[in-house]
Amino acid sequence: MITLYWLCAVLAFAFSHTSYAFAVTGLQGGVNASTGERPIRQEISTFQYAGAAFDLYILALQQFVQQDQADPFSFYQIAELAQQIASTYPESSKATYQSAASTLRIPYWDWALDTNMPDVTNQPMININTPNGSQFIANPLYNYTFHPLPSPPDFPNVKQGKYPNTVRYPDDEGRSQPSLANAALNRNAGGIRATLYNLLTSVQTYAAFSNTGSNDGRTNSYNNLENLHNAIHILVGGNLGHMQYISLSSFDPVFFLHHANVDRLFAMWQAVYADTYLTAQVDVAGTYTNAPGASEDVTTALTPFHLDDSGTFHTSNTTRSTRAFGYTYPELLDWNISPNLLAYDVRGHINNLYGPKIVASKRRSEAQLTVAEMSHDYSINVVVNGGMYVRFFLGSIPQQENLWSTASSLVGSHIINGPSRGLVFGQIALTPKLTTYNLPTLGPETVIPLVQETLKYRVQSFGGRSVDVNVVPSLKFAVVSRNVTHLGPNEFPAYGPLVTYTDATKFLGPHGLQEGESMPA
């Protein structure tokens, strides 16, 4: 379902309310009600040069995070702030800022196109044009400062509760280390990009695409959007960073840039596979408002998000399109265009952004993938129950556990960021790492002997400590591949059936798949 954000002006949603219900309606500034044309959420690396719009975004976010934490509309608790700020600019520029405020929408961070943390999120201070002229101010995208410091029951009794502000990869003094986040992201860049491309171009059912737990329509592909989402949380937060923990992650301002991108990727997938959506499922665990074991479908209330101020809740039906909330994305200009032509355009965007012809960023460490190299596509399917990292390597593993996440031999990590209530499915792209070996071909006759000889794995806790693999009986993994035939620029590749190679994991039992065994489906 479309992600709902509660930052009104800044995040492009508006609230109207009575004494008991706050309606999430979306801002309508800049929306053409006749055609459906509406303002675009921009990628943060572009948006930071947007002038008036970016100035207002930063100032509105600054005011938002400074509000009293007891206020139900403060950043801490859950703000037509942008228009209010725009009205304070001098007359010579007021109209420009008021116009920018009308179409202001939250930016996103495309972590698959450029896996580095956006520069603007790593700067403690930022220079913008304020109503009083050019000024350096504390950067609200860098962290959130608690005022006052939270305590139980607001915060669990964890080390993060003692930090005065949100942190990423904190050192022993609780100071963020942005370089470590970039190092971990860069080491996983090729895998993230390849995994996303495979996901968008081949997983065609909502249940399999959307989450790590469902096996409905998975057809032996363990790839899913939730698994990628989880990985970015962990890679950004690091050991003991706020982004690592589900209950604390939304305090880090980068949370919203990340989730806006997840929303965008889902919307792009929807445009291509418009006929598939949420089907009725049993909610085994339940929620605060839904009983365990209840069947949920597109009409189930998405509490606590209200559709109107009379108490009606949003459902998956009412949140199926970004159009209802007054925003879209650069790849989804869906007005005055047929669904078929929109899908054609979006396939072209996906190929251009993430496909094998992409020109690698100068900051990426993985080799550029070419069409010839992608004639075969290799992955590691992983399933496990529990919160942990399962890390895979081709080659030697550093003895120091704190070096595993940035090891040159790292293929990728299956990450479960929180206690699971059943098996968690994931897929790790193996092809990007294979291309660094300068193999004559990527045929199985060349690849499988190499993988058999060099593939290794480790299990690691969120605290960074090694976990004895023998105490994780639910862990199972397999090396799989499929043939790939690349078609036109606006068509997705044609994929052959997945083939499982037990020879690749024959020496990695009991967790590596053995001959005669099958993976959970």
Protein backbone atom coordinates (compact mmCIF):
# COMPACT_ATOMS: atom_id res chain seq x y z
CA MET A 1 0.00 0.00 0.00
CA ILE A 2 1.11 3.58 -0.54
CA THR A 3 3.14 4.76 2.43
CA LEU A 4 1.39 7.43 4.53
CA TYR A 5 3.46 10.28 5.93
CA TRP A 6 2.35 12.58 8.67
CA LEU A 7 4.50 15.62 7.96
CA CYS A 8 1.81 17.78 6.38
CA ALA A 9 3.29 20.65 4.38
CA VAL A 10 6.80 19.27 4.36
CA LEU A 11 5.84 15.73 3.46
CA ALA A 12 3.01 16.67 1.10
CA PHE A 13 0.16 15.54 3.29
CA ALA A 14 -2.40 17.77 4.96
CA PHE A 15 -4.51 17.13 8.05
CA SER A 16 -7.97 18.34 8.87
CA HIS A 17 -9.40 17.38 12.20
CA THR A 18 -12.19 17.31 14.72
CA SER A 19 -11.61 16.49 18.35
CA TYR A 20 -11.12 12.82 17.57
CA ALA A 21 -10.04 12.32 13.96
CA PHE A 22 -7.28 13.79 11.82
CA ALA A 23 -7.87 13.22 8.11
CA VAL A 24 -4.85 12.43 5.94
CA THR A 25 -5.86 14.11 2.69
CA GLY A 26 -2.73 15.25 0.90
CA LEU A 27 -1.92 18.80 -0.16
CA GLN A 28 -3.65 19.96 -3.32
CA GLY A 29 -1.47 22.95 -4.19
CA GLY A 30 -0.35 22.73 -7.81
CA VAL A 31 -2.78 19.89 -8.59
CA ASN A 32 -4.81 20.07 -11.82
CA ALA A 33 -8.10 18.43 -10.86
CA SER A 34 -9.11 18.00 -14.50
CA THR A 35 -6.01 16.24 -15.85
CA GLY A 36 -4.51 14.78 -12.68
CA GLU A 37 -1.22 16.66 -13.19
CA ARG A 38 0.40 17.25 -9.83
CA PRO A 39 3.70 18.27 -8.19
CA ILE A 40 6.66 15.90 -8.34
CA ARG A 41 8.72 14.58 -5.48
CA GLN A 42 12.34 15.09 -6.53
CA GLU A 43 15.50 13.10 -5.81
CA ILE A 44 17.36 14.78 -2.94
CA SER A 45 20.63 15.26 -4.86
CA THR A 46 18.68 17.33 -7.42
CA PHE A 47 16.26 18.91 -4.97
CA GLN A 48 19.05 20.45 -2.88
CA TYR A 49 19.65 22.87 -5.78
CA ALA A 50 15.96 23.80 -6.14
CA GLY A 51 16.40 27.24 -4.58
CA ALA A 52 13.25 28.50 -2.90
CA ALA A 53 11.68 25.05 -2.57
CA PHE A 54 14.73 23.59 -0.82
CA ASP A 55 15.08 26.63 1.45
CA LEU A 56 11.48 26.22 2.56
CA TYR A 57 11.87 22.48 3.02
CA ILE A 58 14.85 22.93 5.34
CA LEU A 59 13.28 25.79 7.29
CA ALA A 60 9.97 23.96 7.67
CA LEU A 61 11.77 20.83 8.80
CA GLN A 62 13.86 22.90 11.21
CA GLN A 63 10.75 24.38 12.82
CA PHE A 64 9.07 20.99 12.86
CA VAL A 65 11.85 19.28 14.81
CA GLN A 66 12.02 22.18 17.26
CA GLN A 67 8.37 21.95 18.32
CA ASP A 68 7.51 20.92 21.86
CA GLN A 69 7.74 17.13 22.08
CA ALA A 70 4.44 17.11 24.02
CA ASP A 71 2.65 18.63 21.02
CA PRO A 72 0.76 15.85 19.14
CA PHE A 73 1.86 17.51 15.88
CA SER A 74 5.54 17.68 16.78
CA PHE A 75 8.22 15.64 15.03
CA TYR A 76 8.62 13.67 18.24
CA GLN A 77 4.94 12.69 18.49
CA ILE A 78 3.92 11.70 15.27
CA ALA A 79 2.55 21.59 9.75
CA GLU A 80 1.31 24.23 7.11
CA LEU A 81 4.74 25.41 8.01
CA ALA A 82 6.02 26.09 4.51
CA GLN A 83 3.35 28.64 3.64
CA GLN A 84 3.79 30.34 7.00
CA ILE A 85 7.53 30.64 6.41
CA ALA A 86 7.07 31.82 2.81
CA SER A 87 4.91 34.71 3.99
CA THR A 88 7.80 36.06 6.10
CA TYR A 89 10.17 36.59 3.14
CA PRO A 90 10.75 40.15 1.84
CA GLU A 91 8.28 41.42 -0.73
CA SER A 92 10.89 41.12 -3.47
CA SER A 93 10.99 37.33 -3.10
CA LYS A 94 7.75 36.51 -1.25
CA ALA A 95 5.82 35.50 -4.38
CA THR A 96 8.59 33.10 -5.42
CA TYR A 97 8.60 31.41 -2.05
CA GLN A 98 4.83 31.27 -1.79
CA SER A 99 4.68 29.61 -5.21
CA ALA A 100 7.36 27.14 -4.15
CA ALA A 101 5.45 26.40 -0.94
CA SER A 102 2.31 25.56 -2.90
CA THR A 103 4.02 22.77 -4.85
CA LEU A 104 6.51 21.68 -2.18
CA ARG A 105 6.69 17.92 -1.75
CA ILE A 106 9.11 15.77 0.24
CA PRO A 107 12.18 14.60 -1.75
CA TYR A 108 13.39 11.01 -1.91
CA TRP A 109 16.81 9.36 -1.84
CA ASP A 110 17.38 6.92 -4.70
CA TRP A 111 19.78 4.63 -2.86
CA ALA A 112 20.02 2.23 -5.81
CA LEU A 113 21.15 4.87 -8.32
CA ASP A 114 23.71 6.45 -5.98
CA THR A 115 24.19 4.31 -2.92
CA ASN A 116 26.20 6.91 -1.00
CA MET A 117 24.40 8.83 1.70
CA PRO A 118 23.26 12.14 0.21
CA ASP A 119 25.88 14.79 0.97
CA VAL A 120 23.22 17.08 2.39
CA THR A 121 22.40 14.53 5.13
CA ASN A 122 25.99 14.38 6.39
CA GLN A 123 26.52 18.09 7.04
CA PRO A 124 25.92 19.32 10.63
CA MET A 125 25.37 22.86 9.30
CA ILE A 126 23.71 23.99 6.08
CA ASN A 127 23.63 27.29 4.20
CA ILE A 128 20.24 28.41 2.88
CA ASN A 129 18.47 31.63 1.99
CA THR A 130 16.26 32.54 4.96
CA PRO A 131 13.82 35.47 5.28
CA ASN A 132 16.78 37.31 6.83
CA GLY A 133 19.22 36.47 4.05
CA SER A 134 21.83 33.77 3.57
CA GLN A 135 22.55 31.95 6.82
CA PHE A 136 24.19 28.81 8.15
CA ILE A 137 21.76 26.90 10.35
CA ALA A 138 21.79 23.54 12.12
CA ASN A 139 20.94 21.00 9.43
CA PRO A 140 17.65 19.23 10.27
CA LEU A 141 18.55 16.43 7.82
CA TYR A 142 21.69 15.58 9.79
CA ASN A 143 20.01 14.44 12.99
CA TYR A 144 17.16 15.04 15.40
CA THR A 145 17.99 16.49 18.82
CA PHE A 146 15.75 15.28 21.63
CA HIS A 147 14.31 17.95 23.92
CA PRO A 148 14.08 16.57 26.51
CA LEU A 149 15.90 13.26 26.34
CA PRO A 150 13.27 10.48 26.10
CA SER A 151 12.85 7.80 28.72
CA PRO A 152 10.72 4.68 29.14
CA PRO A 153 7.97 4.04 28.20
CA ASP A 154 8.56 6.41 25.25
CA PHE A 155 11.89 4.79 24.51
CA PRO A 156 12.91 1.23 25.27
CA ASN A 157 15.74 0.91 27.74
CA VAL A 158 18.48 0.75 25.11
CA LYS A 159 21.76 2.58 24.59
CA GLN A 160 20.17 4.85 21.97
CA GLY A 161 17.92 6.26 24.67
CA LYS A 162 20.95 7.87 26.26
CA TYR A 163 22.07 9.75 23.13
CA PRO A 164 21.01 13.43 22.99
CA ASN A 165 20.39 13.14 19.23
CA THR A 166 19.95 10.51 16.54
CA VAL A 167 23.15 8.85 15.38
CA ARG A 168 24.45 6.72 12.53
CA TYR A 169 27.29 4.26 13.22
CA PRO A 170 27.98 5.86 16.64
CA ASP A 171 31.45 5.68 18.14
CA ASP A 172 32.04 5.04 21.83
CA GLU A 173 31.15 8.67 22.59
CA GLY A 174 27.86 8.49 20.70
CA ARG A 175 29.05 10.53 17.70
CA SER A 176 27.91 9.67 14.18
CA GLN A 177 30.48 8.33 11.71
CA PRO A 178 29.12 9.08 8.21
CA SER A 179 32.15 7.55 6.50
CA LEU A 180 31.26 4.12 7.91
CA ALA A 181 27.73 4.35 6.50
CA ASN A 182 29.11 5.19 3.07
CA ALA A 183 31.68 2.39 3.27
CA ALA A 184 28.98 -0.19 4.06
CA LEU A 185 26.62 1.19 1.40
CA ASN A 186 29.34 1.22 -1.24
CA ARG A 187 30.37 -2.34 -0.50
CA ASN A 188 26.76 -3.41 -1.12
CA ALA A 189 26.09 -1.05 -4.06
CA GLY A 190 26.28 -3.56 -6.88
CA GLY A 191 24.11 -6.06 -5.06
CA ILE A 192 21.49 -3.46 -4.13
CA ARG A 193 21.21 -2.22 -7.71
CA ALA A 194 21.06 -5.72 -9.23
CA THR A 195 18.59 -6.99 -6.63
CA LEU A 196 16.29 -4.03 -7.27
CA TYR A 197 16.46 -4.44 -11.04
CA ASN A 198 15.68 -8.14 -10.78
CA LEU A 199 12.80 -7.38 -8.43
CA LEU A 200 11.18 -4.72 -10.61
CA THR A 201 11.58 -6.69 -13.82
CA SER A 202 10.59 -10.20 -12.77
CA VAL A 203 8.44 -10.39 -9.62
CA GLN A 204 4.90 -9.91 -10.85
CA THR A 205 2.59 -10.60 -7.89
CA TYR A 206 1.92 -8.16 -5.07
CA ALA A 207 2.31 -10.69 -2.24
CA ALA A 208 5.73 -11.87 -3.40
CA PHE A 209 6.91 -8.35 -4.31
CA SER A 210 5.84 -6.57 -1.15
CA ASN A 211 7.10 -8.51 1.85
CA THR A 212 9.56 -10.99 3.29
CA GLY A 213 7.01 -13.34 4.82
CA SER A 214 4.51 -14.26 2.12
CA ASN A 215 5.17 -17.16 -0.20
CA ASP A 216 2.08 -16.52 -2.35
CA GLY A 217 3.26 -16.44 -5.96
CA ARG A 218 6.94 -16.43 -5.02
CA THR A 219 7.80 -19.24 -7.50
CA ASN A 220 11.28 -19.84 -6.01
CA SER A 221 12.29 -16.17 -6.24
CA TYR A 222 12.92 -14.92 -2.72
CA ASN A 223 13.37 -11.31 -3.85
CA ASN A 224 11.08 -8.65 -2.33
CA LEU A 225 10.91 -4.93 -1.61
CA GLU A 226 10.74 -5.28 2.16
CA ASN A 227 14.08 -7.08 2.22
CA LEU A 228 15.75 -4.21 0.31
CA HIS A 229 14.02 -1.71 2.59
CA ASN A 230 15.38 -3.50 5.65
CA ALA A 231 18.89 -3.56 4.25
CA ILE A 232 19.00 0.22 3.80
CA HIS A 233 17.84 0.74 7.38
CA ILE A 234 20.73 -1.35 8.69
CA LEU A 235 23.37 -0.06 6.29
CA VAL A 236 22.54 3.55 7.19
CA GLY A 237 22.20 3.09 10.94
CA GLY A 238 24.96 0.58 11.58
CA ASN A 239 25.47 -1.07 14.93
CA LEU A 240 23.49 0.90 17.55
CA GLY A 241 22.34 3.65 15.16
CA HIS A 242 18.70 4.73 15.37
CA MET A 243 17.90 3.62 11.81
CA GLN A 244 18.78 0.05 12.80
CA TYR A 245 15.80 -0.27 15.16
CA ILE A 246 12.22 -0.29 13.86
CA SER A 247 10.79 1.49 16.89
CA LEU A 248 13.42 4.26 16.78
CA SER A 249 14.21 4.65 13.07
CA SER A 250 11.68 7.35 12.23
CA PHE A 251 13.49 9.82 14.51
CA ASP A 252 16.38 9.93 12.01
CA PRO A 253 15.43 12.47 9.30
CA VAL A 254 16.88 10.23 6.57
CA PHE A 255 14.04 7.80 7.38
CA PHE A 256 11.66 9.93 5.32
CA LEU A 257 13.99 10.21 2.33
CA HIS A 258 14.34 6.41 2.41
CA HIS A 259 10.63 5.70 2.75
CA ALA A 260 9.72 8.17 0.04
CA ASN A 261 11.95 6.14 -2.27
CA VAL A 262 10.29 2.89 -1.18
CA ASP A 263 6.95 4.54 -1.98
CA ARG A 264 8.32 5.59 -5.39
CA LEU A 265 9.62 2.12 -6.24
CA PHE A 266 6.30 0.59 -5.30
CA ALA A 267 4.44 3.16 -7.42
CA MET A 268 6.70 2.38 -10.41
CA TRP A 269 6.09 -1.34 -9.95
CA GLN A 270 2.34 -0.65 -9.77
CA ALA A 271 2.45 1.17 -13.11
CA VAL A 272 4.00 -1.87 -14.79
CA TYR A 273 1.91 -4.53 -13.05
CA ALA A 274 -1.33 -2.62 -12.65
CA ASP A 275 -3.58 -5.66 -12.45
CA THR A 276 -2.07 -7.20 -9.31
CA TYR A 277 -2.63 -5.91 -5.79
CA LEU A 278 -3.28 -6.99 -2.25
CA THR A 279 -5.22 -10.23 -1.86
CA ALA A 280 -6.87 -11.46 1.33
CA GLN A 281 -4.31 -12.74 3.85
CA VAL A 282 -4.45 -13.99 7.41
CA ASP A 283 -2.68 -11.64 9.83
CA VAL A 284 -1.07 -14.17 12.12
CA ALA A 285 0.41 -11.66 14.58
CA GLY A 286 -2.29 -8.99 14.53
CA THR A 287 -1.82 -5.27 15.25
CA TYR A 288 -2.85 -2.84 17.96
CA THR A 289 -6.33 -2.76 16.45
CA ASN A 290 -6.65 -6.02 14.47
CA ALA A 291 -6.97 -9.37 16.21
CA PRO A 292 -4.39 -12.09 15.51
CA GLY A 293 -5.62 -14.61 12.96
CA ALA A 294 -8.04 -12.20 11.29
CA SER A 295 -8.32 -12.08 7.51
CA GLU A 296 -7.32 -8.75 6.01
CA ASP A 297 -7.91 -7.42 2.50
CA VAL A 298 -8.11 -4.18 0.53
CA THR A 299 -11.01 -2.95 2.69
CA THR A 300 -9.30 -3.48 6.05
CA ALA A 301 -8.87 -0.24 7.99
CA LEU A 302 -5.34 1.18 7.99
CA THR A 303 -5.48 2.47 11.52
CA PRO A 304 -4.68 5.11 12.71
CA PHE A 305 -4.86 6.98 9.35
CA HIS A 306 -8.22 8.68 8.79
CA LEU A 307 -9.73 9.31 5.38
CA ASP A 308 -11.96 12.10 6.68
CA ASP A 309 -12.69 13.93 9.89
CA SER A 310 -15.75 11.83 10.69
CA GLY A 311 -13.71 8.81 11.73
CA THR A 312 -13.51 6.80 8.48
CA PHE A 313 -10.14 5.10 8.09
CA HIS A 314 -8.04 4.76 4.97
CA THR A 315 -7.86 1.32 3.41
CA SER A 316 -5.53 -0.23 0.86
CA ASN A 317 -8.11 0.74 -1.75
CA THR A 318 -8.06 4.44 -0.84
CA THR A 319 -4.25 4.55 -0.76
CA ARG A 320 -3.58 2.63 -3.96
CA SER A 321 -2.51 5.70 -5.98
CA THR A 322 -0.34 8.73 -5.23
CA ARG A 323 -2.91 10.78 -7.14
CA ALA A 324 -5.19 10.85 -4.10
CA PHE A 325 -2.48 12.59 -2.08
CA GLY A 326 -1.45 15.25 -4.58
CA TYR A 327 2.04 14.16 -5.60
CA THR A 328 3.90 11.94 -8.05
CA TYR A 329 7.45 11.07 -9.10
CA PRO A 330 9.60 12.01 -12.13
CA GLU A 331 9.06 8.62 -13.77
CA LEU A 332 5.28 8.65 -13.23
CA LEU A 333 3.75 11.50 -15.22
CA ASP A 334 0.48 9.59 -15.46
CA TRP A 335 -1.88 12.25 -16.76
CA ASN A 336 -3.09 12.37 -20.37
CA ILE A 337 -1.56 8.95 -21.01
CA SER A 338 -2.99 5.45 -21.29
CA PRO A 339 -2.04 2.79 -18.71
CA ASN A 340 -0.28 0.77 -21.41
CA LEU A 341 1.83 3.71 -22.55
CA LEU A 342 2.62 4.62 -18.93
CA ALA A 343 3.84 1.07 -18.31
CA TYR A 344 5.96 1.30 -21.48
CA ASP A 345 7.53 4.56 -20.26
CA VAL A 346 8.17 3.25 -16.75
CA ARG A 347 9.88 0.12 -18.09
CA GLY A 348 12.21 2.42 -20.02
CA HIS A 349 12.97 4.43 -16.87
CA ILE A 350 13.71 1.26 -14.88
CA ASN A 351 16.05 -0.03 -17.59
CA ASN A 352 17.84 3.31 -17.85
CA LEU A 353 18.21 3.79 -14.10
CA TYR A 354 19.02 0.31 -12.86
CA GLY A 355 19.50 -2.00 -15.84
CA PRO A 356 22.74 -3.61 -17.03
CA LYS A 357 23.58 -0.75 -19.42
CA ILE A 358 23.82 1.75 -16.59
CA VAL A 359 27.08 3.71 -16.39
CA ALA A 360 28.50 3.26 -12.94
CA SER A 361 28.94 6.26 -10.66
CA LYS A 362 32.56 7.22 -10.13
CA ARG A 363 32.04 6.45 -6.44
CA ARG A 364 30.81 2.89 -6.99
CA SER A 365 33.26 0.09 -6.36
CA GLU A 366 31.44 -2.71 -8.20
CA ALA A 367 32.21 -3.39 -11.86
CA GLN A 368 29.84 -2.08 -14.49
CA LEU A 369 27.48 -4.78 -15.68
CA THR A 370 27.21 -5.29 -19.43
CA VAL A 371 24.62 -7.06 -21.50
CA ALA A 372 27.05 -9.90 -22.30
CA GLU A 373 27.87 -10.43 -18.63
CA MET A 374 24.18 -10.60 -17.78
CA SER A 375 23.39 -13.58 -20.04
CA HIS A 376 23.18 -15.51 -16.76
CA ASP A 377 21.88 -14.10 -13.51
CA TYR A 378 22.99 -15.65 -10.20
CA SER A 379 21.53 -15.12 -6.75
CA ILE A 380 21.53 -16.63 -3.27
CA ASN A 381 18.06 -17.46 -1.91
CA VAL A 382 17.97 -17.22 1.89
CA VAL A 383 15.34 -18.02 4.49
CA VAL A 384 15.64 -17.79 8.28
CA ASN A 385 13.60 -17.04 11.38
CA GLY A 386 14.96 -14.41 13.77
CA GLY A 387 16.56 -10.98 13.87
CA MET A 388 20.16 -11.06 12.59
CA TYR A 389 22.57 -10.55 9.71
CA VAL A 390 23.42 -13.50 7.49
CA ARG A 391 26.49 -12.44 5.53
CA PHE A 392 27.83 -14.18 2.42
CA PHE A 393 31.37 -13.91 1.08
CA LEU A 394 33.36 -15.10 -1.92
CA GLY A 395 36.85 -15.60 -0.56
CA SER A 396 38.46 -14.97 2.79
CA ILE A 397 36.60 -13.40 5.71
CA PRO A 398 38.30 -10.85 8.00
CA GLN A 399 38.92 -12.14 11.50
CA GLN A 400 37.59 -8.90 13.00
CA GLU A 401 33.80 -9.00 13.06
CA ASN A 402 33.52 -5.22 12.74
CA LEU A 403 35.12 -5.48 9.28
CA TRP A 404 32.64 -7.95 7.85
CA SER A 405 30.19 -5.33 6.55
CA THR A 406 32.87 -3.65 4.42
CA ALA A 407 35.02 -6.67 3.48
CA SER A 408 36.14 -6.76 -0.14
CA SER A 409 34.94 -10.37 -0.31
CA LEU A 410 31.40 -9.52 0.84
CA VAL A 411 28.65 -10.58 -1.57
CA GLY A 412 25.78 -9.21 0.49
CA SER A 413 23.75 -9.65 3.65
CA HIS A 414 20.30 -11.00 4.43
CA ILE A 415 19.04 -8.66 7.14
CA ILE A 416 16.10 -9.15 9.48
CA ASN A 417 15.83 -5.93 11.49
CA GLY A 418 13.69 -7.09 14.36
CA PRO A 419 12.13 -10.21 15.80
CA SER A 420 10.38 -12.20 13.07
CA ARG A 421 7.13 -14.14 13.46
CA GLY A 422 7.97 -16.81 10.94
CA LEU A 423 10.30 -17.49 8.06
CA VAL A 424 11.78 -14.41 6.41
CA PHE A 425 12.59 -14.75 2.70
CA GLY A 426 15.33 -12.79 0.96
CA GLN A 427 17.53 -12.84 -2.11
CA ILE A 428 21.11 -11.61 -2.56
CA ALA A 429 22.46 -10.79 -6.02
CA LEU A 430 25.59 -12.81 -6.73
CA THR A 431 26.29 -11.68 -10.31
CA PRO A 432 27.87 -8.29 -9.45
CA LYS A 433 30.53 -9.99 -7.34
CA LEU A 434 31.15 -12.63 -10.01
CA THR A 435 31.90 -9.93 -12.59
CA THR A 436 34.91 -8.83 -10.53
CA TYR A 437 36.62 -12.18 -11.22
CA ASN A 438 37.08 -11.51 -14.96
CA LEU A 439 35.65 -14.91 -15.83
CA PRO A 440 35.61 -15.89 -19.52
CA THR A 441 31.85 -16.56 -19.28
CA LEU A 442 29.14 -16.57 -16.64
CA GLY A 443 28.01 -20.04 -17.65
CA PRO A 444 27.47 -22.50 -14.78
CA GLU A 445 30.40 -24.63 -15.92
CA THR A 446 32.63 -21.69 -14.92
CA VAL A 447 30.71 -20.13 -12.04
CA ILE A 448 29.60 -23.09 -9.94
CA PRO A 449 33.13 -24.52 -9.32
CA LEU A 450 34.26 -21.03 -8.26
CA VAL A 451 31.32 -20.61 -5.89
CA GLN A 452 31.77 -24.10 -4.47
CA GLU A 453 35.40 -23.28 -3.66
CA THR A 454 34.99 -19.73 -2.31
CA LEU A 455 31.46 -19.22 -0.92
CA LYS A 456 31.40 -18.73 2.85
CA TYR A 457 28.85 -17.37 5.32
CA ARG A 458 28.61 -15.95 8.81
CA VAL A 459 25.76 -15.02 11.16
CA GLN A 460 26.09 -11.79 13.10
CA SER A 461 23.98 -10.13 15.78
CA PHE A 462 22.86 -6.51 15.55
CA GLY A 463 25.41 -5.73 18.22
CA GLY A 464 28.13 -6.88 15.80
CA ARG A 465 29.01 -10.15 17.50
CA SER A 466 29.45 -13.44 15.69
CA VAL A 467 26.63 -15.95 16.23
CA ASP A 468 27.30 -19.69 16.18
CA VAL A 469 25.56 -20.88 13.02
CA ASN A 470 24.59 -24.10 14.80
CA VAL A 471 22.10 -22.19 16.97
CA VAL A 472 20.20 -20.97 13.90
CA PRO A 473 18.51 -24.18 12.69
CA SER A 474 15.96 -22.31 10.56
CA LEU A 475 18.66 -20.91 8.25
CA LYS A 476 18.70 -22.34 4.74
CA PHE A 477 20.23 -20.97 1.55
CA ALA A 478 20.76 -22.04 -2.05
CA VAL A 479 22.59 -20.73 -5.11
CA VAL A 480 20.25 -20.25 -8.08
CA SER A 481 20.55 -18.85 -11.59
CA ARG A 482 18.49 -18.21 -14.70
CA ASN A 483 19.19 -17.32 -18.30
CA VAL A 484 18.56 -13.72 -19.32
CA THR A 485 17.65 -12.45 -22.78
CA HIS A 486 17.74 -8.68 -23.10
CA LEU A 487 15.09 -7.09 -25.29
CA GLY A 488 14.39 -3.47 -26.29
CA PRO A 489 15.03 -0.36 -24.17
CA ASN A 490 11.38 -0.22 -23.04
CA GLU A 491 10.99 -3.95 -22.48
CA PHE A 492 12.08 -6.03 -19.55
CA PRO A 493 14.44 -8.99 -20.03
CA ALA A 494 13.04 -12.43 -20.74
CA TYR A 495 14.05 -14.69 -17.87
CA GLY A 496 14.38 -18.44 -18.01
CA PRO A 497 13.33 -20.72 -15.15
CA LEU A 498 15.36 -20.64 -11.94
CA VAL A 499 17.87 -23.47 -11.66
CA THR A 500 19.18 -24.53 -8.24
CA TYR A 501 22.81 -25.70 -7.92
CA THR A 502 23.28 -27.92 -4.91
CA ASP A 503 26.90 -28.50 -5.97
CA ALA A 504 27.59 -24.87 -5.04
CA THR A 505 26.59 -25.48 -1.41
CA LYS A 506 27.41 -29.18 -0.96
CA PHE A 507 30.21 -28.38 1.50
CA LEU A 508 28.17 -25.83 3.47
CA GLY A 509 25.66 -28.12 5.16
CA PRO A 510 23.43 -28.19 7.04
CA HIS A 511 22.44 -24.64 6.10
CA GLY A 512 23.55 -24.80 2.48
CA LEU A 513 21.07 -26.73 0.35
CA GLN A 514 22.07 -30.36 -0.18
CA GLU A 515 21.21 -32.75 -2.99
CA GLY A 516 17.71 -34.14 -2.53
CA GLU A 517 16.60 -31.19 -0.37
CA SER A 518 14.29 -28.35 -1.39
CA MET A 519 14.02 -24.78 -0.20
CA PRO A 520 10.85 -23.49 1.49
CA ALA A 521 8.61 -21.91 -1.16
